[in-house]
Amino acid sequence: MLEFSDAPYHFFPPKPSRPLIWLGRKLNQHLILPGSNHKIEELLVEGDSDAIREERSRGVRHLFVFNHPTHSDPQSVTEMQRRLPVPSSFMAAYDVFLRSKKHTFLMQKLGHFSIDREGSDRKAMSTAIDILKTGDFALNIFPEGNVYLTNDRVTPFLDGTAFIAIKAHQALKDEGEVRIVPVSLKYTHLTNVRPVLLERRDLIAADTGFKIKNDVSDVQSVIDLGMHLLAIYLKDHGISSEDHTNDEAGFRESLNEVTLTLISDLENELELTPSEGQDLIARIRSIRTKIHQIRIDTETGNSRSEEMRKFADKAILAFRILSYLDPYLTEKPNLDRLCETAERLGEDFYSKILTVHGPRRSIMKIHPSISVADCLENVGGKARDAVGALTPQMEKIVQGGIDDLNEANDAPGAKMLEI
């Protein structure tokens, strides 16, 4: 989901309570992870956990980075770090803290803090650096910035994570070091959840007035449903979508043109100039950031609120077109990817997080830590060059781990389906 928060930003600092952290981890282990929201029946940790423990015993500061494929990631990470054991703090989007006063209290007492992911949040950056400098807690960051529900494919990492690691390491001087620990997260279904998936598909279809064809595969039916939802979104924005049922290539081409037009128009309205070689997802991120900056500006936000709401809707539409046209499902049509796609359609239509389809296995592959000091040395101590080197390195390692876990996956979720 691609969401915008209209709420004025307020920074929520960490206020860790070790007794509550201990209790929270126990509740997460026994109640939350296996509960109906996550259904994690197995959690496996691969990699050299002993190396992390040894480094921590030497005073190494750890920054853990993960892909962000599901809404169960913080809970899985919490259990992994309970086993290590490593006390840790999450950097979390500030709208998570706005759910209720009770939720805010618990998040802060568990040691977590907020970040305005659409803007330049100096308080959050400063807090993250201080956590690493102090060393009592490890720091957890999801560099993708959002849950994209594409477990097998990492979305490009944002540069902020590497920047935090470098600045914290430089601040330590000769008093310690910061190392980055990439971790690959993989979820797979332990049972054949096809009946549940089809029931959800049929519910979305009924609620949107779409008739599922009897003579198509499950994969094609979900793709067709996605195209139907996309046509609704286009119509809501006054954009006609011609029926290209006999010309799929033409249909996709026309939708690509719509996406480019939407993005270009928004950039013109917001006076943004895309960087050379910047892909469409990155351009949408830049648009989101600018919209958010205007929305929370106390001087201009109120007077332009309706205009920004329309711009935000168009940005979300552009993202949806890109994600719906992505061949993610058809390039490897297994049960897990079909569930992810159906889950994304449901979240888009109902604008809420849905329960998962069935019991799952969560696998976490811990990779050898990356020395920030070595990276800085390799680029002559230039922080900007180090950021440019570390970010793709982290992303490549995490993606490689996911590929390895997929290769070894023998769960029912990995079963290939008919297209």
Protein backbone atom coordinates (compact mmCIF):
# COMPACT_ATOMS: atom_id res chain seq x y z
CA MET A 1 0.00 0.00 0.00
CA LEU A 2 1.08 3.53 -0.67
CA GLU A 3 -0.41 5.75 2.00
CA PHE A 4 -0.21 9.40 2.92
CA SER A 5 -0.79 10.68 6.42
CA ASP A 6 -2.56 14.02 6.81
CA ALA A 7 -1.81 14.22 10.52
CA PRO A 8 0.66 16.92 11.62
CA TYR A 9 3.99 15.32 12.35
CA HIS A 10 5.01 14.84 15.95
CA PHE A 11 8.21 13.02 16.87
CA PHE A 12 7.83 10.14 19.32
CA PRO A 13 11.16 9.34 21.04
CA PRO A 14 12.03 5.93 22.46
CA LYS A 15 11.42 5.47 26.19
CA PRO A 16 12.61 1.89 26.68
CA SER A 17 11.55 -0.13 29.69
CA ARG A 18 13.50 -3.38 29.95
CA PRO A 19 10.78 -5.21 31.95
CA LEU A 20 8.19 -4.27 29.31
CA ILE A 21 10.58 -5.24 26.50
CA TRP A 22 11.05 -8.67 28.10
CA LEU A 23 7.29 -9.09 28.55
CA GLY A 24 6.56 -7.83 25.03
CA ARG A 25 8.96 -10.33 23.49
CA LYS A 26 7.39 -13.19 25.43
CA LEU A 27 3.89 -12.18 24.36
CA ASN A 28 5.09 -11.83 20.78
CA GLN A 29 6.63 -15.31 20.88
CA HIS A 30 3.65 -17.15 22.33
CA LEU A 31 0.58 -15.11 21.34
CA ILE A 32 1.17 -12.52 18.63
CA LEU A 33 3.23 -14.42 16.04
CA PRO A 34 1.02 -17.54 16.00
CA GLY A 35 -2.15 -15.44 16.32
CA SER A 36 -4.73 -14.79 13.61
CA ASN A 37 -3.06 -11.62 12.31
CA HIS A 38 0.24 -13.33 11.44
CA LYS A 39 -0.20 -17.12 11.62
CA ILE A 40 3.53 -17.80 11.92
CA GLU A 41 3.69 -21.46 12.97
CA GLU A 42 7.40 -21.89 12.22
CA LEU A 43 10.19 -19.34 12.52
CA LEU A 44 13.63 -20.42 11.33
CA VAL A 45 16.82 -18.41 11.76
CA GLU A 46 19.68 -19.21 9.39
CA GLY A 47 23.19 -17.77 9.27
CA ASP A 48 25.98 -17.23 11.77
CA SER A 49 24.23 -16.01 14.91
CA ASP A 50 27.37 -16.73 16.94
CA ALA A 51 29.28 -14.12 14.93
CA ILE A 52 26.72 -11.48 15.88
CA ARG A 53 26.98 -12.44 19.54
CA GLU A 54 30.78 -12.33 19.41
CA GLU A 55 30.80 -8.91 17.77
CA ARG A 56 28.33 -7.57 20.30
CA SER A 57 30.52 -8.88 23.14
CA ARG A 58 33.34 -6.73 21.70
CA GLY A 59 31.16 -3.63 21.77
CA VAL A 60 30.31 -3.55 18.07
CA ARG A 61 27.22 -1.45 17.31
CA HIS A 62 24.82 -3.25 15.00
CA LEU A 63 22.43 -1.80 12.45
CA PHE A 64 20.13 -4.55 11.15
CA VAL A 65 18.59 -4.03 7.71
CA PHE A 66 15.79 -6.12 6.21
CA ASN A 67 13.56 -6.40 3.19
CA HIS A 68 9.97 -5.48 4.07
CA PRO A 69 7.65 -7.99 2.34
CA THR A 70 4.81 -8.28 4.86
CA HIS A 71 3.07 -6.69 7.82
CA SER A 72 4.50 -9.45 10.02
CA ASP A 73 8.13 -8.35 9.65
CA PRO A 74 8.54 -6.43 12.97
CA GLN A 75 7.09 -9.39 14.87
CA SER A 76 9.39 -11.89 13.13
CA VAL A 77 12.43 -9.68 13.66
CA THR A 78 11.54 -9.27 17.34
CA GLU A 79 11.50 -13.06 17.82
CA MET A 80 14.79 -13.48 15.96
CA GLN A 81 16.45 -10.90 18.19
CA ARG A 82 14.94 -12.45 21.31
CA ARG A 83 16.73 -15.66 20.40
CA LEU A 84 20.10 -14.01 19.71
CA PRO A 85 19.54 -12.25 22.24
CA VAL A 86 19.91 -8.62 21.12
CA PRO A 87 17.93 -5.71 22.57
CA SER A 88 16.85 -3.50 19.70
CA SER A 89 14.94 -0.42 18.63
CA PHE A 90 12.79 -0.03 15.51
CA MET A 91 12.58 3.12 13.43
CA ALA A 92 8.87 3.12 12.49
CA ALA A 93 6.61 5.36 10.38
CA TYR A 94 4.96 7.93 12.63
CA ASP A 95 1.40 7.02 11.58
CA VAL A 96 1.98 3.71 13.41
CA PHE A 97 2.22 5.73 16.64
CA LEU A 98 -1.05 7.53 15.93
CA ARG A 99 -3.31 4.48 16.21
CA SER A 100 -4.10 5.07 19.87
CA LYS A 101 -2.57 6.49 23.05
CA LYS A 102 -2.11 2.95 24.35
CA HIS A 103 -0.30 1.93 21.19
CA THR A 104 1.94 5.00 21.39
CA PHE A 105 2.81 4.23 25.01
CA LEU A 106 3.71 0.63 24.22
CA MET A 107 5.75 1.48 21.14
CA GLN A 108 7.87 3.95 23.08
CA LYS A 109 8.28 1.68 26.11
CA LEU A 110 9.43 -1.12 23.80
CA GLY A 111 12.20 1.21 22.67
CA HIS A 112 10.89 2.26 19.27
CA PHE A 113 10.73 5.75 17.77
CA SER A 114 8.98 7.49 14.90
CA ILE A 115 10.18 8.85 11.59
CA ASP A 116 8.48 11.00 9.00
CA ARG A 117 9.42 8.82 6.05
CA GLU A 118 8.14 11.38 3.55
CA GLY A 119 10.24 14.24 4.84
CA SER A 120 13.63 15.20 6.25
CA ASP A 121 13.26 14.13 9.88
CA ARG A 122 16.33 15.40 11.72
CA LYS A 123 15.07 14.29 15.14
CA ALA A 124 14.63 10.71 13.94
CA MET A 125 18.03 10.70 12.25
CA SER A 126 19.69 12.12 15.35
CA THR A 127 17.96 9.55 17.56
CA ALA A 128 19.03 6.69 15.28
CA ILE A 129 22.64 7.87 15.35
CA ASP A 130 22.56 8.24 19.15
CA ILE A 131 21.21 4.70 19.57
CA LEU A 132 24.11 3.31 17.57
CA LYS A 133 26.66 5.51 19.37
CA THR A 134 25.41 4.43 22.80
CA GLY A 135 25.38 0.76 21.82
CA ASP A 136 22.90 -0.51 24.41
CA PHE A 137 20.40 -1.32 21.67
CA ALA A 138 20.80 -2.47 18.10
CA LEU A 139 18.91 -0.45 15.49
CA ASN A 140 16.42 -1.99 13.04
CA ILE A 141 15.55 -0.32 9.73
CA PHE A 142 13.58 -1.42 6.66
CA PRO A 143 15.36 0.53 3.87
CA GLU A 144 12.56 -0.10 1.35
CA GLY A 145 10.39 2.26 3.40
CA ASN A 146 7.09 0.50 2.68
CA VAL A 147 5.48 -2.93 2.63
CA TYR A 148 5.18 -3.80 -1.06
CA LEU A 149 3.89 -7.41 -0.71
CA THR A 150 6.48 -8.79 -3.15
CA ASN A 151 8.49 -11.13 -0.95
CA ASP A 152 10.69 -12.49 -3.73
CA ARG A 153 11.82 -9.11 -5.01
CA VAL A 154 13.53 -6.34 -3.09
CA THR A 155 12.42 -2.81 -3.90
CA PRO A 156 15.38 -0.40 -4.22
CA PHE A 157 16.79 0.58 -0.83
CA LEU A 158 16.71 4.23 0.19
CA ASP A 159 20.00 5.93 1.05
CA GLY A 160 19.07 7.08 4.55
CA THR A 161 20.04 3.82 6.22
CA ALA A 162 23.62 3.92 4.96
CA PHE A 163 23.84 7.60 5.90
CA ILE A 164 22.84 6.80 9.50
CA ALA A 165 25.41 4.01 9.76
CA ILE A 166 28.21 6.20 8.41
CA LYS A 167 27.41 9.21 10.59
CA ALA A 168 27.17 7.04 13.71
CA HIS A 169 30.48 5.35 12.94
CA GLN A 170 32.20 8.69 12.36
CA ALA A 171 30.78 10.03 15.64
CA LEU A 172 32.29 7.10 17.54
CA LYS A 173 35.79 8.01 16.33
CA ASP A 174 38.10 5.46 17.98
CA GLU A 175 35.63 4.39 20.66
CA GLY A 176 34.02 1.56 18.68
CA GLU A 177 32.62 0.62 15.31
CA VAL A 178 29.30 0.28 13.52
CA ARG A 179 28.60 -2.78 11.42
CA ILE A 180 25.57 -3.36 9.21
CA VAL A 181 23.83 -6.74 9.42
CA PRO A 182 21.75 -7.53 6.31
CA VAL A 183 18.94 -10.01 6.93
CA SER A 184 16.77 -11.65 4.26
CA LEU A 185 13.13 -12.32 5.23
CA LYS A 186 11.10 -15.03 3.52
CA TYR A 187 7.54 -16.19 4.21
CA THR A 188 5.92 -19.27 2.75
CA HIS A 189 2.60 -21.03 3.29
CA LEU A 190 2.66 -24.36 5.09
CA THR A 191 -0.67 -25.60 3.74
CA ASN A 192 -2.68 -25.40 0.56
CA VAL A 193 -4.56 -22.15 1.20
CA ARG A 194 -6.20 -22.12 -2.24
CA PRO A 195 -9.79 -22.38 -0.86
CA VAL A 196 -9.27 -19.35 1.42
CA LEU A 197 -7.62 -17.40 -1.38
CA LEU A 198 -10.46 -18.10 -3.82
CA GLU A 199 -13.05 -17.16 -1.20
CA ARG A 200 -11.33 -13.80 -0.73
CA ARG A 201 -11.01 -13.34 -4.49
CA ASP A 202 -14.71 -14.01 -4.93
CA LEU A 203 -15.62 -11.55 -2.16
CA ILE A 204 -13.59 -8.76 -3.76
CA ALA A 205 -15.11 -9.61 -7.14
CA ALA A 206 -18.64 -9.47 -5.72
CA ASP A 207 -17.98 -6.18 -3.94
CA THR A 208 -16.66 -4.63 -7.15
CA GLY A 209 -19.24 -6.07 -9.52
CA PHE A 210 -16.79 -8.33 -11.34
CA LYS A 211 -17.76 -11.75 -12.69
CA ILE A 212 -15.03 -14.41 -12.50
CA LYS A 213 -14.75 -16.44 -15.68
CA ASN A 214 -15.17 -20.18 -15.29
CA ASP A 215 -12.69 -21.16 -17.98
CA VAL A 216 -9.58 -19.38 -16.67
CA SER A 217 -6.91 -20.44 -14.20
CA ASP A 218 -6.71 -19.11 -10.64
CA VAL A 219 -3.71 -17.01 -11.63
CA GLN A 220 -5.47 -15.47 -14.62
CA SER A 221 -8.61 -14.82 -12.59
CA VAL A 222 -6.63 -12.76 -10.06
CA ILE A 223 -4.92 -10.87 -12.89
CA ASP A 224 -8.32 -10.18 -14.47
CA LEU A 225 -9.65 -8.96 -11.12
CA GLY A 226 -6.67 -6.64 -10.79
CA MET A 227 -7.31 -5.17 -14.21
CA HIS A 228 -10.97 -4.66 -13.25
CA LEU A 229 -9.94 -2.80 -10.09
CA LEU A 230 -7.49 -0.75 -12.09
CA ALA A 231 -10.27 0.23 -14.52
CA ILE A 232 -12.35 1.40 -11.54
CA TYR A 233 -9.48 3.52 -10.22
CA LEU A 234 -8.94 5.01 -13.69
CA LYS A 235 -12.63 5.81 -14.06
CA ASP A 236 -12.68 7.45 -10.63
CA HIS A 237 -9.95 9.75 -11.89
CA GLY A 238 -11.75 10.54 -15.12
CA ILE A 239 -9.41 8.41 -17.23
CA SER A 240 -10.99 6.15 -19.83
CA SER A 241 -9.64 2.59 -20.13
CA GLU A 242 -10.49 0.94 -23.40
CA ASP A 243 -11.19 -2.77 -23.46
CA HIS A 244 -8.15 -4.48 -24.93
CA THR A 245 -9.17 -8.05 -24.11
CA ASN A 246 -7.99 -9.14 -27.54
CA ASP A 247 -4.88 -7.00 -27.44
CA GLU A 248 -3.18 -7.36 -24.05
CA ALA A 249 0.02 -5.77 -25.35
CA GLY A 250 -1.93 -2.71 -26.50
CA PHE A 251 -3.72 -2.52 -23.17
CA ARG A 252 -0.45 -2.56 -21.24
CA GLU A 253 1.10 -0.01 -23.56
CA SER A 254 -1.80 2.39 -23.10
CA LEU A 255 -1.62 2.00 -19.31
CA ASN A 256 2.12 2.67 -19.36
CA GLU A 257 1.39 5.89 -21.24
CA VAL A 258 -1.20 6.82 -18.62
CA THR A 259 1.36 6.25 -15.87
CA LEU A 260 4.00 8.38 -17.54
CA THR A 261 1.47 11.15 -18.11
CA LEU A 262 0.33 11.07 -14.48
CA ILE A 263 3.88 11.22 -13.16
CA SER A 264 4.99 13.95 -15.56
CA ASP A 265 1.92 16.07 -14.84
CA LEU A 266 2.47 15.78 -11.09
CA GLU A 267 6.14 16.70 -11.45
CA ASN A 268 5.16 19.77 -13.46
CA GLU A 269 2.53 20.83 -10.93
CA LEU A 270 4.95 20.35 -8.02
CA GLU A 271 7.92 21.87 -9.87
CA LEU A 272 9.98 18.68 -9.62
CA THR A 273 12.70 17.66 -12.06
CA PRO A 274 13.50 13.93 -12.14
CA SER A 275 17.14 12.95 -11.86
CA GLU A 276 18.85 11.38 -14.83
CA GLY A 277 18.20 7.64 -14.87
CA GLN A 278 15.64 7.84 -12.04
CA ASP A 279 13.10 5.03 -12.36
CA LEU A 280 9.35 5.54 -12.09
CA ILE A 281 9.06 4.22 -8.53
CA ALA A 282 11.76 6.65 -7.38
CA ARG A 283 9.97 9.49 -9.17
CA ILE A 284 6.73 8.60 -7.36
CA ARG A 285 8.65 8.63 -4.07
CA SER A 286 9.89 12.14 -4.83
CA ILE A 287 6.34 13.22 -5.64
CA ARG A 288 5.08 11.73 -2.37
CA THR A 289 7.75 13.59 -0.42
CA LYS A 290 6.88 16.94 -1.99
CA ILE A 291 3.14 16.44 -1.44
CA HIS A 292 3.75 15.52 2.18
CA GLN A 293 5.97 18.53 2.77
CA ILE A 294 3.22 20.82 1.50
CA ARG A 295 0.51 19.04 3.49
CA ILE A 296 2.25 19.40 6.84
CA ASP A 297 3.40 22.98 6.22
CA THR A 298 1.46 25.12 8.69
CA GLU A 299 1.36 28.11 6.34
CA THR A 300 0.31 26.49 3.05
CA GLY A 301 -1.02 23.08 4.07
CA ASN A 302 -4.59 24.13 4.89
CA SER A 303 -5.07 26.33 1.85
CA ARG A 304 -3.85 23.62 -0.52
CA SER A 305 -5.25 20.56 1.27
CA GLU A 306 -7.83 19.67 -1.40
CA GLU A 307 -5.32 20.17 -4.19
CA MET A 308 -2.77 17.95 -2.41
CA ARG A 309 -5.40 15.28 -1.77
CA LYS A 310 -6.05 15.07 -5.51
CA PHE A 311 -2.33 14.96 -6.24
CA ALA A 312 -1.88 12.19 -3.65
CA ASP A 313 -4.67 10.15 -5.23
CA LYS A 314 -3.00 10.48 -8.64
CA ALA A 315 0.35 9.41 -7.21
CA ILE A 316 -1.25 6.33 -5.66
CA LEU A 317 -2.98 5.56 -8.96
CA ALA A 318 0.34 5.77 -10.82
CA PHE A 319 1.91 3.38 -8.32
CA ARG A 320 -1.01 0.96 -8.61
CA ILE A 321 -0.78 0.87 -12.39
CA LEU A 322 2.92 0.08 -12.16
CA SER A 323 2.41 -2.66 -9.58
CA TYR A 324 -0.57 -4.21 -11.39
CA LEU A 325 1.29 -4.34 -14.69
CA ASP A 326 4.36 -5.85 -13.04
CA PRO A 327 4.91 -9.46 -14.26
CA TYR A 328 5.79 -10.48 -10.69
CA LEU A 329 3.04 -13.11 -10.54
CA THR A 330 3.33 -14.52 -14.05
CA GLU A 331 7.14 -14.81 -14.05
CA LYS A 332 6.89 -17.37 -11.23
CA PRO A 333 3.23 -18.27 -10.60
CA ASN A 334 3.38 -20.12 -7.30
CA LEU A 335 0.90 -20.16 -4.42
CA ASP A 336 2.86 -17.68 -2.31
CA ARG A 337 2.98 -15.06 -5.06
CA LEU A 338 -0.69 -15.56 -5.85
CA CYS A 339 -1.54 -14.97 -2.19
CA GLU A 340 0.59 -11.82 -2.11
CA THR A 341 -1.11 -10.46 -5.21
CA ALA A 342 -4.59 -11.19 -3.88
CA GLU A 343 -3.64 -9.62 -0.56
CA ARG A 344 -2.46 -6.47 -2.31
CA LEU A 345 -5.70 -6.21 -4.29
CA GLY A 346 -7.71 -6.55 -1.10
CA GLU A 347 -5.67 -3.91 0.72
CA ASP A 348 -5.99 -1.51 -2.20
CA PHE A 349 -9.74 -1.94 -2.45
CA TYR A 350 -10.67 -2.05 1.24
CA SER A 351 -7.88 0.33 2.40
CA LYS A 352 -7.00 -1.85 5.35
CA ILE A 353 -4.62 -4.64 6.24
CA LEU A 354 -6.24 -8.05 5.73
CA THR A 355 -5.58 -11.24 7.66
CA VAL A 356 -3.16 -13.66 6.03
CA HIS A 357 -4.48 -16.66 4.12
CA GLY A 358 -3.14 -19.45 6.32
CA PRO A 359 -0.32 -20.81 8.49
CA ARG A 360 3.14 -19.73 7.37
CA ARG A 361 6.81 -20.35 7.90
CA SER A 362 9.02 -17.31 8.47
CA ILE A 363 12.68 -17.75 7.54
CA MET A 364 15.33 -15.20 8.44
CA LYS A 365 18.78 -15.47 6.92
CA ILE A 366 21.43 -13.47 8.79
CA HIS A 367 24.33 -12.46 6.56
CA PRO A 368 27.87 -11.60 7.69
CA SER A 369 28.07 -8.04 8.95
CA ILE A 370 29.45 -5.25 6.77
CA SER A 371 32.20 -3.03 8.17
CA VAL A 372 31.33 0.64 7.80
CA ALA A 373 34.98 1.48 8.54
CA ASP A 374 36.19 -0.66 5.64
CA CYS A 375 33.67 0.92 3.28
CA LEU A 376 34.78 4.42 4.25
CA GLU A 377 38.42 3.47 3.81
CA ASN A 378 37.74 2.05 0.34
CA VAL A 379 36.33 5.41 -0.83
CA GLY A 380 38.93 7.61 0.80
CA GLY A 381 36.72 8.58 3.75
CA LYS A 382 34.12 10.35 1.62
CA ALA A 383 30.71 9.85 3.26
CA ARG A 384 28.69 10.49 0.11
CA ASP A 385 30.67 7.89 -1.85
CA ALA A 386 30.33 5.44 1.04
CA VAL A 387 26.54 5.85 0.99
CA GLY A 388 26.57 5.19 -2.75
CA ALA A 389 28.56 2.00 -2.18
CA LEU A 390 26.79 0.65 0.90
CA THR A 391 23.19 1.03 -0.27
CA PRO A 392 23.41 -1.24 -3.35
CA GLN A 393 25.66 -3.65 -1.42
CA MET A 394 23.01 -4.13 1.28
CA GLU A 395 20.29 -4.51 -1.32
CA LYS A 396 22.27 -7.08 -3.33
CA ILE A 397 23.05 -9.18 -0.25
CA VAL A 398 19.42 -9.22 0.93
CA GLN A 399 18.14 -10.12 -2.55
CA GLY A 400 20.72 -12.89 -2.87
CA GLY A 401 19.60 -14.36 0.43
CA ILE A 402 15.97 -14.35 -0.68
CA ASP A 403 16.97 -16.13 -3.90
CA ASP A 404 18.82 -18.79 -1.87
CA LEU A 405 15.86 -19.31 0.45
CA ASN A 406 13.52 -19.66 -2.53
CA GLU A 407 15.79 -22.23 -4.12
CA ALA A 408 15.55 -24.40 -1.01
CA ASN A 409 11.84 -23.80 -0.33
CA ASP A 410 9.87 -27.07 -0.35
CA ALA A 411 6.72 -25.78 1.39
CA PRO A 412 3.28 -25.95 -0.28
CA GLY A 413 3.50 -22.18 -0.88
CA ALA A 414 6.26 -22.78 -3.42
CA LYS A 415 4.02 -25.01 -5.57
CA MET A 416 3.82 -23.78 -9.14
CA LEU A 417 0.34 -23.07 -10.52
CA GLU A 418 -1.20 -23.09 -13.96
CA ILE A 419 -1.17 -19.70 -15.69
